[in-house]
Amino acid sequence: MTSALLSLSALLTASVLAAPAAGAAPYIDRPAGAPAGWERVAGDDLTHITGASGRPQSLSTSGRSAAAPADESGPVAIKSMRNGKFTATEVNYPAPNTGALRARSTAVTGAWESFAFEWDEADQTFAIKSLANNRYVAVEKNFTGQAQNTLRARSTTAGGWERFEVYHNEDLNLYALRSTLNNLFVAMENSYTGSLQYTLRARSADVTGSWEQFDLYNIVG
């Protein structure tokens, strides 16, 4: 299946900022410590941007289908601005790195590169679910060495390890993700070698450049 991608940045600029939906609050007030120029994105925004009601209900990869609930945003592709590649879930990796997220795909081929962003109104954060294995993305804070704070799609429920804030920079039209577990931004490890090359890790105190910058795409077909 060939997937068409619509940049959420372009849609955000064209529709959300210009004409927000009635009653919607486009952004959450920027908390202390947020990077200058970046604003938190609320759930109504992301759902509106991704066109939840009009998206395809399933994707196929390697003969398998992964369905996204109709009332959630997505499916969404996450593209690293550091290497220009889409994030994939490594479902075939052996333990302990099973489900690691890596920006290693040149195109969106199906569920491997597809994610659903689920908004929690109570704590104003997102959970990210991989559609490759229908598991929530967790931050591995207790891992050591280069694997510490790796993002892995391995959880059946979304708790403190699986909560993220989404930030948007209007000037750059790009996004950043911050883990609420350790309050660090997600970076793509372009300089790593071996099986964890291009892995995503929540390890940056600030958004310093393309390492922590991503573009989000709505997968529409």
N, C-alpha and C. Protein backbone atom coordinates (compact mmCIF):
# COMPACT_ATOMS: atom_id res chain seq x y z
N MET A 1 0.84 -1.20 0.00
CA MET A 1 0.00 0.00 0.00
C MET A 1 0.87 1.24 0.00
N THR A 2 0.52 2.19 -0.83
CA THR A 2 1.22 3.46 -0.85
C THR A 2 0.44 4.46 -0.01
N SER A 3 1.07 5.05 0.95
CA SER A 3 0.40 5.97 1.86
C SER A 3 0.64 7.40 1.45
N ALA A 4 -0.42 8.19 1.40
CA ALA A 4 -0.29 9.62 1.15
C ALA A 4 -0.13 10.32 2.48
N LEU A 5 0.77 11.31 2.52
CA LEU A 5 1.06 12.01 3.77
C LEU A 5 0.71 13.47 3.63
N LEU A 6 0.03 13.99 4.63
CA LEU A 6 -0.26 15.41 4.70
C LEU A 6 0.47 15.98 5.89
N SER A 7 1.29 17.00 5.66
CA SER A 7 2.06 17.58 6.74
C SER A 7 1.14 18.27 7.74
N LEU A 8 1.26 17.89 9.00
CA LEU A 8 0.46 18.54 10.04
C LEU A 8 0.88 19.98 10.23
N SER A 9 2.14 20.28 9.96
CA SER A 9 2.61 21.66 10.10
C SER A 9 1.88 22.58 9.13
N ALA A 10 1.75 22.12 7.88
CA ALA A 10 1.07 22.93 6.89
C ALA A 10 -0.40 23.10 7.25
N LEU A 11 -1.03 22.01 7.69
CA LEU A 11 -2.43 22.10 8.07
C LEU A 11 -2.62 22.96 9.31
N LEU A 12 -1.69 22.88 10.23
CA LEU A 12 -1.77 23.70 11.43
C LEU A 12 -1.75 25.17 11.09
N THR A 13 -0.83 25.56 10.21
CA THR A 13 -0.72 26.96 9.82
C THR A 13 -1.94 27.41 9.04
N ALA A 14 -2.41 26.57 8.12
CA ALA A 14 -3.48 26.97 7.22
C ALA A 14 -4.84 27.01 7.90
N SER A 15 -5.10 26.02 8.79
CA SER A 15 -6.45 25.92 9.32
C SER A 15 -6.56 26.19 10.80
N VAL A 16 -5.68 25.63 11.61
CA VAL A 16 -5.86 25.75 13.06
C VAL A 16 -5.55 27.15 13.54
N LEU A 17 -4.43 27.70 13.11
CA LEU A 17 -4.07 29.03 13.57
C LEU A 17 -4.95 30.10 12.93
N ALA A 18 -5.31 29.90 11.66
CA ALA A 18 -6.09 30.91 10.96
C ALA A 18 -7.54 30.88 11.41
N ALA A 19 -8.09 29.68 11.62
CA ALA A 19 -9.51 29.58 11.96
C ALA A 19 -9.73 28.41 12.89
N PRO A 20 -9.41 28.53 14.16
CA PRO A 20 -9.59 27.43 15.10
C PRO A 20 -11.06 27.07 15.25
N ALA A 21 -11.31 25.82 15.55
CA ALA A 21 -12.68 25.36 15.72
C ALA A 21 -13.32 26.09 16.90
N ALA A 22 -14.63 26.29 16.79
CA ALA A 22 -15.34 26.99 17.84
C ALA A 22 -15.19 26.26 19.16
N GLY A 23 -14.81 26.99 20.17
CA GLY A 23 -14.68 26.41 21.49
C GLY A 23 -13.36 25.72 21.75
N ALA A 24 -12.53 25.57 20.71
CA ALA A 24 -11.26 24.87 20.89
C ALA A 24 -10.22 25.81 21.46
N ALA A 25 -9.33 25.25 22.27
CA ALA A 25 -8.22 26.02 22.81
C ALA A 25 -6.95 25.54 22.12
N PRO A 26 -6.48 26.28 21.10
CA PRO A 26 -5.37 25.77 20.28
C PRO A 26 -4.14 25.39 21.08
N TYR A 27 -3.80 26.13 22.12
CA TYR A 27 -2.57 25.84 22.84
C TYR A 27 -2.79 25.94 24.34
N ILE A 28 -1.98 25.19 25.06
CA ILE A 28 -1.97 25.29 26.50
C ILE A 28 -0.97 26.37 26.88
N ASP A 29 -1.25 27.11 27.95
CA ASP A 29 -0.29 28.12 28.39
C ASP A 29 1.08 27.48 28.57
N ARG A 30 2.11 28.16 28.07
CA ARG A 30 3.46 27.60 28.12
C ARG A 30 3.94 27.53 29.56
N PRO A 31 4.29 26.32 30.04
CA PRO A 31 4.75 26.19 31.42
C PRO A 31 6.18 26.68 31.58
N ALA A 32 6.59 26.87 32.82
CA ALA A 32 7.96 27.28 33.08
C ALA A 32 8.91 26.20 32.55
N GLY A 33 9.97 26.62 31.92
CA GLY A 33 10.94 25.68 31.39
C GLY A 33 10.72 25.29 29.96
N ALA A 34 9.61 25.71 29.35
CA ALA A 34 9.37 25.40 27.95
C ALA A 34 10.32 26.22 27.08
N PRO A 35 10.82 25.65 25.99
CA PRO A 35 11.75 26.39 25.12
C PRO A 35 11.08 27.62 24.51
N ALA A 36 11.85 28.69 24.36
CA ALA A 36 11.33 29.89 23.73
C ALA A 36 10.91 29.58 22.30
N GLY A 37 9.74 30.06 21.92
CA GLY A 37 9.24 29.84 20.57
C GLY A 37 8.41 28.58 20.41
N TRP A 38 8.30 27.77 21.46
CA TRP A 38 7.56 26.51 21.40
C TRP A 38 6.34 26.59 22.31
N GLU A 39 5.20 26.12 21.80
CA GLU A 39 3.96 26.13 22.56
C GLU A 39 3.38 24.72 22.60
N ARG A 40 2.83 24.35 23.75
CA ARG A 40 2.21 23.04 23.88
C ARG A 40 0.94 22.94 23.06
N VAL A 41 0.76 21.81 22.44
CA VAL A 41 -0.42 21.54 21.61
C VAL A 41 -1.41 20.72 22.43
N ALA A 42 -2.68 21.13 22.40
CA ALA A 42 -3.73 20.43 23.13
C ALA A 42 -4.35 19.34 22.26
N GLY A 43 -5.11 18.46 22.90
CA GLY A 43 -5.68 17.32 22.20
C GLY A 43 -6.64 17.69 21.09
N ASP A 44 -7.49 18.70 21.32
CA ASP A 44 -8.44 19.11 20.29
C ASP A 44 -7.72 19.56 19.03
N ASP A 45 -6.58 20.20 19.21
CA ASP A 45 -5.79 20.64 18.07
C ASP A 45 -5.32 19.49 17.22
N LEU A 46 -4.67 18.52 17.86
CA LEU A 46 -4.07 17.44 17.10
C LEU A 46 -5.13 16.61 16.40
N THR A 47 -6.26 16.39 17.08
CA THR A 47 -7.35 15.66 16.45
C THR A 47 -7.88 16.41 15.25
N HIS A 48 -8.00 17.74 15.39
CA HIS A 48 -8.49 18.56 14.29
C HIS A 48 -7.51 18.55 13.12
N ILE A 49 -6.23 18.64 13.44
CA ILE A 49 -5.20 18.69 12.40
C ILE A 49 -5.16 17.39 11.62
N THR A 50 -5.23 16.26 12.33
CA THR A 50 -5.08 14.98 11.66
C THR A 50 -6.35 14.51 10.98
N GLY A 51 -7.45 15.23 11.16
CA GLY A 51 -8.69 14.86 10.47
C GLY A 51 -9.18 13.49 10.88
N ALA A 52 -9.39 13.30 12.19
CA ALA A 52 -9.70 11.97 12.70
C ALA A 52 -10.89 11.32 12.02
N SER A 53 -11.93 12.10 11.72
CA SER A 53 -13.14 11.49 11.19
C SER A 53 -12.98 11.00 9.76
N GLY A 54 -11.99 11.53 9.03
CA GLY A 54 -11.86 11.16 7.63
C GLY A 54 -10.70 10.27 7.30
N ARG A 55 -9.99 9.77 8.33
CA ARG A 55 -8.80 8.99 8.05
C ARG A 55 -9.17 7.55 7.73
N PRO A 56 -8.27 6.79 7.09
CA PRO A 56 -8.53 5.38 6.87
C PRO A 56 -8.56 4.64 8.20
N GLN A 57 -9.34 3.57 8.29
CA GLN A 57 -9.49 2.86 9.55
C GLN A 57 -8.41 1.80 9.75
N SER A 58 -7.68 1.43 8.71
CA SER A 58 -6.64 0.42 8.91
C SER A 58 -5.51 0.63 7.95
N LEU A 59 -4.34 0.12 8.36
CA LEU A 59 -3.15 0.10 7.52
C LEU A 59 -2.70 -1.34 7.42
N SER A 60 -1.93 -1.66 6.39
CA SER A 60 -1.45 -3.02 6.23
C SER A 60 0.04 -3.03 6.02
N THR A 61 0.73 -3.94 6.69
CA THR A 61 2.14 -4.13 6.48
C THR A 61 2.49 -5.58 6.71
N SER A 62 3.22 -6.16 5.79
CA SER A 62 3.63 -7.56 5.88
C SER A 62 2.43 -8.49 6.09
N GLY A 63 1.31 -8.11 5.45
CA GLY A 63 0.14 -8.95 5.53
C GLY A 63 -0.70 -8.79 6.77
N ARG A 64 -0.33 -7.87 7.66
CA ARG A 64 -1.07 -7.67 8.89
C ARG A 64 -1.78 -6.32 8.86
N SER A 65 -2.90 -6.25 9.55
CA SER A 65 -3.64 -5.00 9.65
C SER A 65 -3.60 -4.48 11.08
N ALA A 66 -3.58 -3.15 11.20
CA ALA A 66 -3.61 -2.52 12.52
C ALA A 66 -4.62 -1.40 12.48
N ALA A 67 -5.70 -1.53 13.24
CA ALA A 67 -6.77 -0.56 13.21
C ALA A 67 -6.59 0.47 14.29
N ALA A 68 -6.98 1.72 13.99
CA ALA A 68 -6.95 2.80 14.98
C ALA A 68 -8.38 3.13 15.36
N PRO A 69 -8.66 3.33 16.66
CA PRO A 69 -10.02 3.68 17.09
C PRO A 69 -10.50 4.95 16.41
N ALA A 70 -11.78 4.99 16.12
CA ALA A 70 -12.33 6.08 15.30
C ALA A 70 -12.32 7.42 16.03
N ASP A 71 -12.25 7.42 17.36
CA ASP A 71 -12.34 8.69 18.09
C ASP A 71 -10.97 9.21 18.51
N GLU A 72 -9.90 8.70 17.94
CA GLU A 72 -8.57 9.16 18.28
C GLU A 72 -7.86 9.69 17.05
N SER A 73 -6.85 10.52 17.25
CA SER A 73 -6.14 11.09 16.12
C SER A 73 -5.24 10.05 15.49
N GLY A 74 -4.98 10.23 14.19
CA GLY A 74 -4.06 9.33 13.53
C GLY A 74 -4.72 8.59 12.40
N PRO A 75 -4.00 7.67 11.78
CA PRO A 75 -2.61 7.38 12.10
C PRO A 75 -1.67 8.51 11.72
N VAL A 76 -0.60 8.63 12.47
CA VAL A 76 0.35 9.71 12.29
C VAL A 76 1.74 9.13 12.07
N ALA A 77 2.51 9.73 11.17
CA ALA A 77 3.90 9.37 10.96
C ALA A 77 4.79 10.44 11.58
N ILE A 78 5.91 10.01 12.15
CA ILE A 78 6.84 10.91 12.85
C ILE A 78 8.15 10.94 12.08
N LYS A 79 8.49 12.08 11.52
CA LYS A 79 9.70 12.22 10.70
C LYS A 79 10.75 13.03 11.44
N SER A 80 11.94 12.48 11.57
CA SER A 80 13.05 13.19 12.20
C SER A 80 13.62 14.23 11.24
N MET A 81 13.83 15.44 11.74
CA MET A 81 14.45 16.46 10.92
C MET A 81 15.96 16.32 10.89
N ARG A 82 16.50 15.48 11.75
CA ARG A 82 17.95 15.28 11.78
C ARG A 82 18.44 14.48 10.57
N ASN A 83 17.71 13.40 10.23
CA ASN A 83 18.14 12.58 9.10
C ASN A 83 17.08 12.43 8.02
N GLY A 84 15.93 13.09 8.19
CA GLY A 84 14.89 13.07 7.17
C GLY A 84 14.20 11.73 7.02
N LYS A 85 14.24 10.89 8.07
CA LYS A 85 13.64 9.56 7.98
C LYS A 85 12.48 9.42 8.96
N PHE A 86 11.57 8.50 8.62
CA PHE A 86 10.39 8.27 9.44
C PHE A 86 10.69 7.25 10.55
N THR A 87 10.01 7.44 11.66
CA THR A 87 10.19 6.58 12.82
C THR A 87 9.45 5.26 12.62
N ALA A 88 10.14 4.17 12.90
CA ALA A 88 9.55 2.83 12.81
C ALA A 88 9.65 2.14 14.16
N THR A 89 8.74 1.22 14.43
CA THR A 89 8.77 0.40 15.63
C THR A 89 9.46 -0.92 15.31
N GLU A 90 10.52 -1.22 16.04
CA GLU A 90 11.30 -2.44 15.76
C GLU A 90 10.70 -3.63 16.51
N VAL A 91 9.56 -4.12 15.98
CA VAL A 91 8.85 -5.20 16.66
C VAL A 91 9.63 -6.50 16.64
N ASN A 92 10.56 -6.66 15.72
CA ASN A 92 11.32 -7.90 15.61
C ASN A 92 12.64 -7.89 16.38
N TYR A 93 12.95 -6.77 17.03
CA TYR A 93 14.17 -6.72 17.83
C TYR A 93 14.04 -7.68 19.03
N PRO A 94 15.14 -8.32 19.41
CA PRO A 94 15.09 -9.18 20.60
C PRO A 94 15.09 -8.33 21.87
N ALA A 95 14.69 -8.94 22.96
CA ALA A 95 14.74 -8.26 24.26
C ALA A 95 16.20 -7.91 24.60
N PRO A 96 16.45 -6.79 25.26
CA PRO A 96 15.47 -5.89 25.88
C PRO A 96 15.03 -4.74 24.98
N ASN A 97 15.40 -4.75 23.71
CA ASN A 97 15.10 -3.62 22.83
C ASN A 97 13.89 -3.85 21.94
N THR A 98 13.09 -4.86 22.23
CA THR A 98 11.89 -5.12 21.45
C THR A 98 10.97 -3.90 21.46
N GLY A 99 10.56 -3.46 20.27
CA GLY A 99 9.67 -2.31 20.17
C GLY A 99 10.35 -0.97 20.20
N ALA A 100 11.68 -0.94 20.09
CA ALA A 100 12.40 0.34 20.10
C ALA A 100 11.98 1.19 18.91
N LEU A 101 11.88 2.50 19.13
CA LEU A 101 11.53 3.44 18.07
C LEU A 101 12.80 3.98 17.43
N ARG A 102 12.89 3.85 16.09
CA ARG A 102 14.07 4.32 15.36
C ARG A 102 13.65 5.08 14.11
N ALA A 103 14.28 6.22 13.85
CA ALA A 103 14.02 7.00 12.64
C ALA A 103 14.88 6.43 11.52
N ARG A 104 14.39 5.39 10.85
CA ARG A 104 15.22 4.67 9.89
C ARG A 104 14.52 4.38 8.56
N SER A 105 13.25 4.78 8.39
CA SER A 105 12.51 4.46 7.16
C SER A 105 12.48 5.64 6.21
N THR A 106 12.73 5.37 4.94
CA THR A 106 12.69 6.44 3.93
C THR A 106 11.27 6.74 3.47
N ALA A 107 10.33 5.87 3.78
CA ALA A 107 8.93 6.08 3.39
C ALA A 107 8.03 5.42 4.42
N VAL A 108 6.76 5.79 4.40
CA VAL A 108 5.78 5.16 5.27
C VAL A 108 5.15 4.00 4.50
N THR A 109 5.45 2.79 4.91
CA THR A 109 4.99 1.61 4.18
C THR A 109 3.78 0.95 4.83
N GLY A 110 3.47 1.33 6.06
CA GLY A 110 2.33 0.73 6.74
C GLY A 110 2.40 0.94 8.23
N ALA A 111 2.02 -0.10 9.00
CA ALA A 111 1.89 0.03 10.44
C ALA A 111 3.21 0.24 11.15
N TRP A 112 4.31 -0.21 10.56
CA TRP A 112 5.61 -0.04 11.21
C TRP A 112 5.90 1.44 11.51
N GLU A 113 5.46 2.32 10.62
CA GLU A 113 5.72 3.76 10.77
C GLU A 113 4.50 4.55 11.21
N SER A 114 3.50 3.88 11.74
CA SER A 114 2.23 4.53 12.06
C SER A 114 1.97 4.55 13.56
N PHE A 115 1.48 5.70 14.03
CA PHE A 115 1.24 5.88 15.46
C PHE A 115 -0.09 6.61 15.68
N ALA A 116 -0.72 6.34 16.83
CA ALA A 116 -1.91 7.08 17.26
C ALA A 116 -1.54 7.90 18.48
N PHE A 117 -1.93 9.18 18.47
CA PHE A 117 -1.71 10.07 19.60
C PHE A 117 -3.02 10.18 20.38
N GLU A 118 -3.04 9.71 21.62
CA GLU A 118 -4.25 9.68 22.43
C GLU A 118 -4.15 10.73 23.55
N TRP A 119 -5.11 11.61 23.58
CA TRP A 119 -5.12 12.74 24.51
C TRP A 119 -5.79 12.36 25.82
N ASP A 120 -5.19 12.74 26.93
CA ASP A 120 -5.78 12.57 28.26
C ASP A 120 -6.14 13.95 28.79
N GLU A 121 -7.42 14.21 28.87
CA GLU A 121 -7.89 15.53 29.30
C GLU A 121 -7.51 15.84 30.74
N ALA A 122 -7.45 14.80 31.57
CA ALA A 122 -7.20 15.01 32.99
C ALA A 122 -5.82 15.59 33.26
N ASP A 123 -4.79 15.01 32.62
CA ASP A 123 -3.44 15.52 32.87
C ASP A 123 -2.86 16.29 31.70
N GLN A 124 -3.68 16.50 30.66
CA GLN A 124 -3.28 17.36 29.53
C GLN A 124 -2.01 16.83 28.84
N THR A 125 -1.94 15.53 28.65
CA THR A 125 -0.79 14.93 27.97
C THR A 125 -1.28 13.91 26.95
N PHE A 126 -0.34 13.45 26.11
CA PHE A 126 -0.63 12.44 25.12
C PHE A 126 0.03 11.12 25.49
N ALA A 127 -0.62 10.03 25.11
CA ALA A 127 0.02 8.72 25.03
C ALA A 127 0.19 8.42 23.54
N ILE A 128 1.30 7.78 23.19
CA ILE A 128 1.59 7.45 21.80
C ILE A 128 1.53 5.93 21.66
N LYS A 129 0.64 5.47 20.79
CA LYS A 129 0.50 4.03 20.57
C LYS A 129 1.04 3.65 19.19
N SER A 130 1.92 2.66 19.16
CA SER A 130 2.41 2.14 17.89
C SER A 130 1.35 1.24 17.27
N LEU A 131 1.07 1.45 15.99
CA LEU A 131 0.10 0.60 15.31
C LEU A 131 0.76 -0.66 14.75
N ALA A 132 2.08 -0.78 14.95
CA ALA A 132 2.77 -2.00 14.52
C ALA A 132 2.49 -3.15 15.48
N ASN A 133 2.35 -2.84 16.79
CA ASN A 133 2.08 -3.89 17.77
C ASN A 133 1.00 -3.51 18.77
N ASN A 134 0.35 -2.35 18.53
CA ASN A 134 -0.71 -1.86 19.41
C ASN A 134 -0.25 -1.74 20.87
N ARG A 135 0.99 -1.32 21.05
CA ARG A 135 1.53 -1.08 22.38
C ARG A 135 1.86 0.42 22.55
N TYR A 136 1.74 0.88 23.79
CA TYR A 136 2.06 2.28 24.08
C TYR A 136 3.57 2.47 24.21
N VAL A 137 4.02 3.66 23.80
CA VAL A 137 5.43 4.00 23.85
C VAL A 137 5.80 4.42 25.26
N ALA A 138 6.81 3.76 25.82
CA ALA A 138 7.30 4.08 27.16
C ALA A 138 8.72 4.60 27.09
N VAL A 139 9.10 5.39 28.08
CA VAL A 139 10.48 5.87 28.23
C VAL A 139 11.19 4.95 29.21
N GLU A 140 12.26 4.31 28.76
CA GLU A 140 12.97 3.34 29.60
C GLU A 140 13.99 4.05 30.50
N LYS A 141 13.46 4.70 31.52
CA LYS A 141 14.30 5.50 32.42
C LYS A 141 15.31 4.64 33.17
N ASN A 142 14.99 3.38 33.44
CA ASN A 142 15.85 2.52 34.22
C ASN A 142 16.89 1.77 33.39
N PHE A 143 16.84 1.92 32.06
CA PHE A 143 17.89 1.34 31.24
C PHE A 143 19.20 2.09 31.54
N THR A 144 20.31 1.47 31.24
CA THR A 144 21.61 2.10 31.48
C THR A 144 22.37 2.29 30.17
N GLY A 145 23.43 3.09 30.24
CA GLY A 145 24.28 3.29 29.08
C GLY A 145 23.57 4.02 27.96
N GLN A 146 23.90 3.66 26.73
CA GLN A 146 23.32 4.33 25.56
C GLN A 146 21.83 4.07 25.42
N ALA A 147 21.32 3.04 26.05
CA ALA A 147 19.90 2.71 25.94
C ALA A 147 19.03 3.44 26.95
N GLN A 148 19.63 4.18 27.88
CA GLN A 148 18.83 4.87 28.90
C GLN A 148 17.88 5.86 28.26
N ASN A 149 16.62 5.83 28.70
CA ASN A 149 15.56 6.72 28.21
C ASN A 149 15.14 6.43 26.77
N THR A 150 15.48 5.24 26.27
CA THR A 150 15.01 4.83 24.95
C THR A 150 13.48 4.79 24.92
N LEU A 151 12.90 5.17 23.78
CA LEU A 151 11.46 5.04 23.58
C LEU A 151 11.17 3.66 23.01
N ARG A 152 10.30 2.90 23.71
CA ARG A 152 9.93 1.57 23.25
C ARG A 152 8.42 1.40 23.29
N ALA A 153 7.84 0.83 22.24
CA ALA A 153 6.42 0.50 22.21
C ALA A 153 6.26 -0.87 22.84
N ARG A 154 5.98 -0.88 24.16
CA ARG A 154 5.97 -2.16 24.89
C ARG A 154 4.90 -2.25 25.97
N SER A 155 4.08 -1.21 26.16
CA SER A 155 3.13 -1.17 27.27
C SER A 155 1.70 -1.40 26.79
N THR A 156 0.93 -2.15 27.57
CA THR A 156 -0.47 -2.39 27.23
C THR A 156 -1.39 -1.31 27.78
N THR A 157 -0.89 -0.51 28.73
CA THR A 157 -1.65 0.62 29.26
C THR A 157 -0.73 1.83 29.32
N ALA A 158 -1.34 3.01 29.47
CA ALA A 158 -0.58 4.26 29.48
C ALA A 158 -0.58 4.86 30.88
N GLY A 159 0.57 4.78 31.55
CA GLY A 159 0.75 5.41 32.85
C GLY A 159 1.81 6.49 32.77
N GLY A 160 2.51 6.74 33.88
CA GLY A 160 3.49 7.82 33.92
C GLY A 160 4.66 7.64 32.97
N TRP A 161 5.02 6.39 32.68
CA TRP A 161 6.13 6.14 31.78
C TRP A 161 5.77 6.44 30.33
N GLU A 162 4.46 6.52 30.05
CA GLU A 162 3.98 6.61 28.67
C GLU A 162 3.33 7.95 28.33
N ARG A 163 3.57 8.99 29.12
CA ARG A 163 2.92 10.27 28.89
C ARG A 163 3.90 11.27 28.27
N PHE A 164 3.40 12.03 27.29
CA PHE A 164 4.23 13.00 26.57
C PHE A 164 3.48 14.31 26.38
N GLU A 165 4.25 15.39 26.34
CA GLU A 165 3.76 16.69 25.89
C GLU A 165 4.21 16.90 24.45
N VAL A 166 3.33 17.50 23.66
CA VAL A 166 3.66 17.82 22.27
C VAL A 166 3.79 19.33 22.14
N TYR A 167 4.89 19.79 21.55
CA TYR A 167 5.14 21.21 21.35
C TYR A 167 5.21 21.52 19.86
N HIS A 168 4.76 22.72 19.51
CA HIS A 168 4.83 23.18 18.12
C HIS A 168 5.54 24.52 18.06
N ASN A 169 6.40 24.67 17.06
CA ASN A 169 7.09 25.94 16.81
C ASN A 169 6.50 26.54 15.54
N GLU A 170 5.81 27.67 15.69
CA GLU A 170 5.11 28.28 14.56
C GLU A 170 6.08 28.73 13.48
N ASP A 171 7.21 29.29 13.86
CA ASP A 171 8.17 29.79 12.87
C ASP A 171 8.80 28.65 12.07
N LEU A 172 9.11 27.56 12.75
CA LEU A 172 9.74 26.42 12.08
C LEU A 172 8.73 25.47 11.46
N ASN A 173 7.47 25.54 11.93
CA ASN A 173 6.45 24.57 11.55
C ASN A 173 6.91 23.15 11.85
N LEU A 174 7.47 22.95 13.04
CA LEU A 174 7.96 21.65 13.46
C LEU A 174 7.46 21.35 14.87
N TYR A 175 7.67 20.09 15.28
CA TYR A 175 7.18 19.62 16.56
C TYR A 175 8.32 19.07 17.43
N ALA A 176 8.09 19.05 18.73
CA ALA A 176 8.99 18.43 19.69
C ALA A 176 8.15 17.64 20.68
N LEU A 177 8.73 16.58 21.22
CA LEU A 177 8.05 15.73 22.18
C LEU A 177 8.83 15.75 23.49
N ARG A 178 8.12 15.89 24.61
CA ARG A 178 8.77 15.86 25.91
C ARG A 178 8.11 14.82 26.80
N SER A 179 8.94 13.95 27.38
CA SER A 179 8.46 12.95 28.32
C SER A 179 8.13 13.61 29.65
N THR A 180 6.97 13.27 30.22
CA THR A 180 6.65 13.80 31.54
C THR A 180 7.27 12.94 32.64
N LEU A 181 7.85 11.79 32.27
CA LEU A 181 8.51 10.94 33.26
C LEU A 181 9.79 11.57 33.76
N ASN A 182 10.59 12.12 32.83
CA ASN A 182 11.87 12.73 33.23
C ASN A 182 11.99 14.20 32.80
N ASN A 183 10.90 14.73 32.19
CA ASN A 183 10.85 16.13 31.74
C ASN A 183 11.96 16.46 30.74
N LEU A 184 12.32 15.49 29.92
CA LEU A 184 13.33 15.69 28.89
C LEU A 184 12.72 15.50 27.50
N PHE A 185 13.29 16.24 26.53
CA PHE A 185 12.80 16.17 25.16
C PHE A 185 13.37 14.97 24.43
N VAL A 186 12.60 14.46 23.50
CA VAL A 186 13.00 13.31 22.69
C VAL A 186 13.99 13.75 21.62
N ALA A 187 15.10 13.04 21.54
CA ALA A 187 16.11 13.30 20.52
C ALA A 187 16.32 12.04 19.68
N MET A 188 16.77 12.23 18.44
CA MET A 188 17.10 11.11 17.56
C MET A 188 18.61 10.94 17.54
N GLU A 189 19.08 9.74 17.89
CA GLU A 189 20.52 9.50 18.05
C GLU A 189 21.17 9.16 16.71
N ASN A 190 21.42 10.21 15.94
CA ASN A 190 21.98 10.06 14.60
C ASN A 190 23.41 9.50 14.64
N SER A 191 24.14 9.75 15.71
CA SER A 191 25.55 9.35 15.79
C SER A 191 25.76 7.96 16.36
N TYR A 192 24.70 7.33 16.83
CA TYR A 192 24.84 5.97 17.33
C TYR A 192 25.20 5.02 16.19
N THR A 193 25.80 3.91 16.54
CA THR A 193 26.07 2.85 15.56
C THR A 193 25.39 1.57 16.02
N GLY A 194 25.30 0.59 15.13
CA GLY A 194 24.71 -0.67 15.50
C GLY A 194 23.20 -0.65 15.51
N SER A 195 22.60 -1.54 16.31
CA SER A 195 21.15 -1.73 16.29
C SER A 195 20.37 -0.55 16.84
N LEU A 196 21.01 0.31 17.63
CA LEU A 196 20.31 1.47 18.20
C LEU A 196 20.60 2.76 17.44
N GLN A 197 21.22 2.66 16.28
CA GLN A 197 21.40 3.87 15.47
C GLN A 197 20.04 4.45 15.10
N TYR A 198 19.92 5.75 15.22
CA TYR A 198 18.69 6.50 14.93
C TYR A 198 17.58 6.27 15.97
N THR A 199 17.93 5.65 17.10
CA THR A 199 16.90 5.43 18.12
C THR A 199 16.43 6.74 18.71
N LEU A 200 15.19 6.77 19.18
CA LEU A 200 14.63 7.95 19.85
C LEU A 200 14.79 7.78 21.35
N ARG A 201 15.34 8.84 21.99
CA ARG A 201 15.56 8.82 23.44
C ARG A 201 15.11 10.14 24.06
N ALA A 202 14.47 10.07 25.22
CA ALA A 202 14.07 11.27 25.97
C ALA A 202 15.25 11.68 26.84
N ARG A 203 16.13 12.54 26.29
CA ARG A 203 17.39 12.83 27.00
C ARG A 203 17.85 14.28 26.91
N SER A 204 17.11 15.16 26.25
CA SER A 204 17.55 16.54 26.06
C SER A 204 16.78 17.51 26.96
N ALA A 205 17.53 18.40 27.61
CA ALA A 205 16.89 19.38 28.49
C ALA A 205 16.23 20.51 27.72
N ASP A 206 16.59 20.67 26.45
CA ASP A 206 16.06 21.75 25.64
C ASP A 206 15.97 21.27 24.19
N VAL A 207 15.31 22.05 23.36
CA VAL A 207 15.29 21.79 21.92
C VAL A 207 16.41 22.60 21.31
N THR A 208 17.53 21.95 21.05
CA THR A 208 18.73 22.65 20.61
C THR A 208 18.87 22.70 19.10
N GLY A 209 18.12 21.89 18.38
CA GLY A 209 18.24 21.86 16.92
C GLY A 209 17.52 20.65 16.36
N SER A 210 18.00 20.17 15.22
CA SER A 210 17.30 19.12 14.48
C SER A 210 17.26 17.79 15.23
N TRP A 211 18.15 17.60 16.21
CA TRP A 211 18.12 16.37 16.99
C TRP A 211 16.77 16.18 17.67
N GLU A 212 16.18 17.27 18.14
CA GLU A 212 14.92 17.19 18.89
C GLU A 212 13.71 17.65 18.08
N GLN A 213 13.88 17.90 16.80
CA GLN A 213 12.80 18.44 15.97
C GLN A 213 12.24 17.36 15.05
N PHE A 214 10.91 17.34 14.97
CA PHE A 214 10.22 16.35 14.16
C PHE A 214 9.10 17.01 13.38
N ASP A 215 8.72 16.39 12.27
CA ASP A 215 7.50 16.79 11.57
C ASP A 215 6.52 15.64 11.70
N LEU A 216 5.25 15.97 11.88
CA LEU A 216 4.20 14.97 12.01
C LEU A 216 3.35 14.98 10.75
N TYR A 217 3.04 13.81 10.25
CA TYR A 217 2.25 13.67 9.03
C TYR A 217 1.01 12.83 9.28
N ASN A 218 -0.10 13.28 8.73
CA ASN A 218 -1.32 12.50 8.77
C ASN A 218 -1.30 11.51 7.61
N ILE A 219 -1.43 10.24 7.90
CA ILE A 219 -1.47 9.20 6.86
C ILE A 219 -2.91 9.08 6.39
N VAL A 220 -3.16 9.43 5.15
CA VAL A 220 -4.53 9.54 4.67
C VAL A 220 -4.94 8.47 3.67
N GLY A 221 -4.06 7.59 3.30
CA GLY A 221 -4.49 6.56 2.37
C GLY A 221 -3.33 5.71 1.89
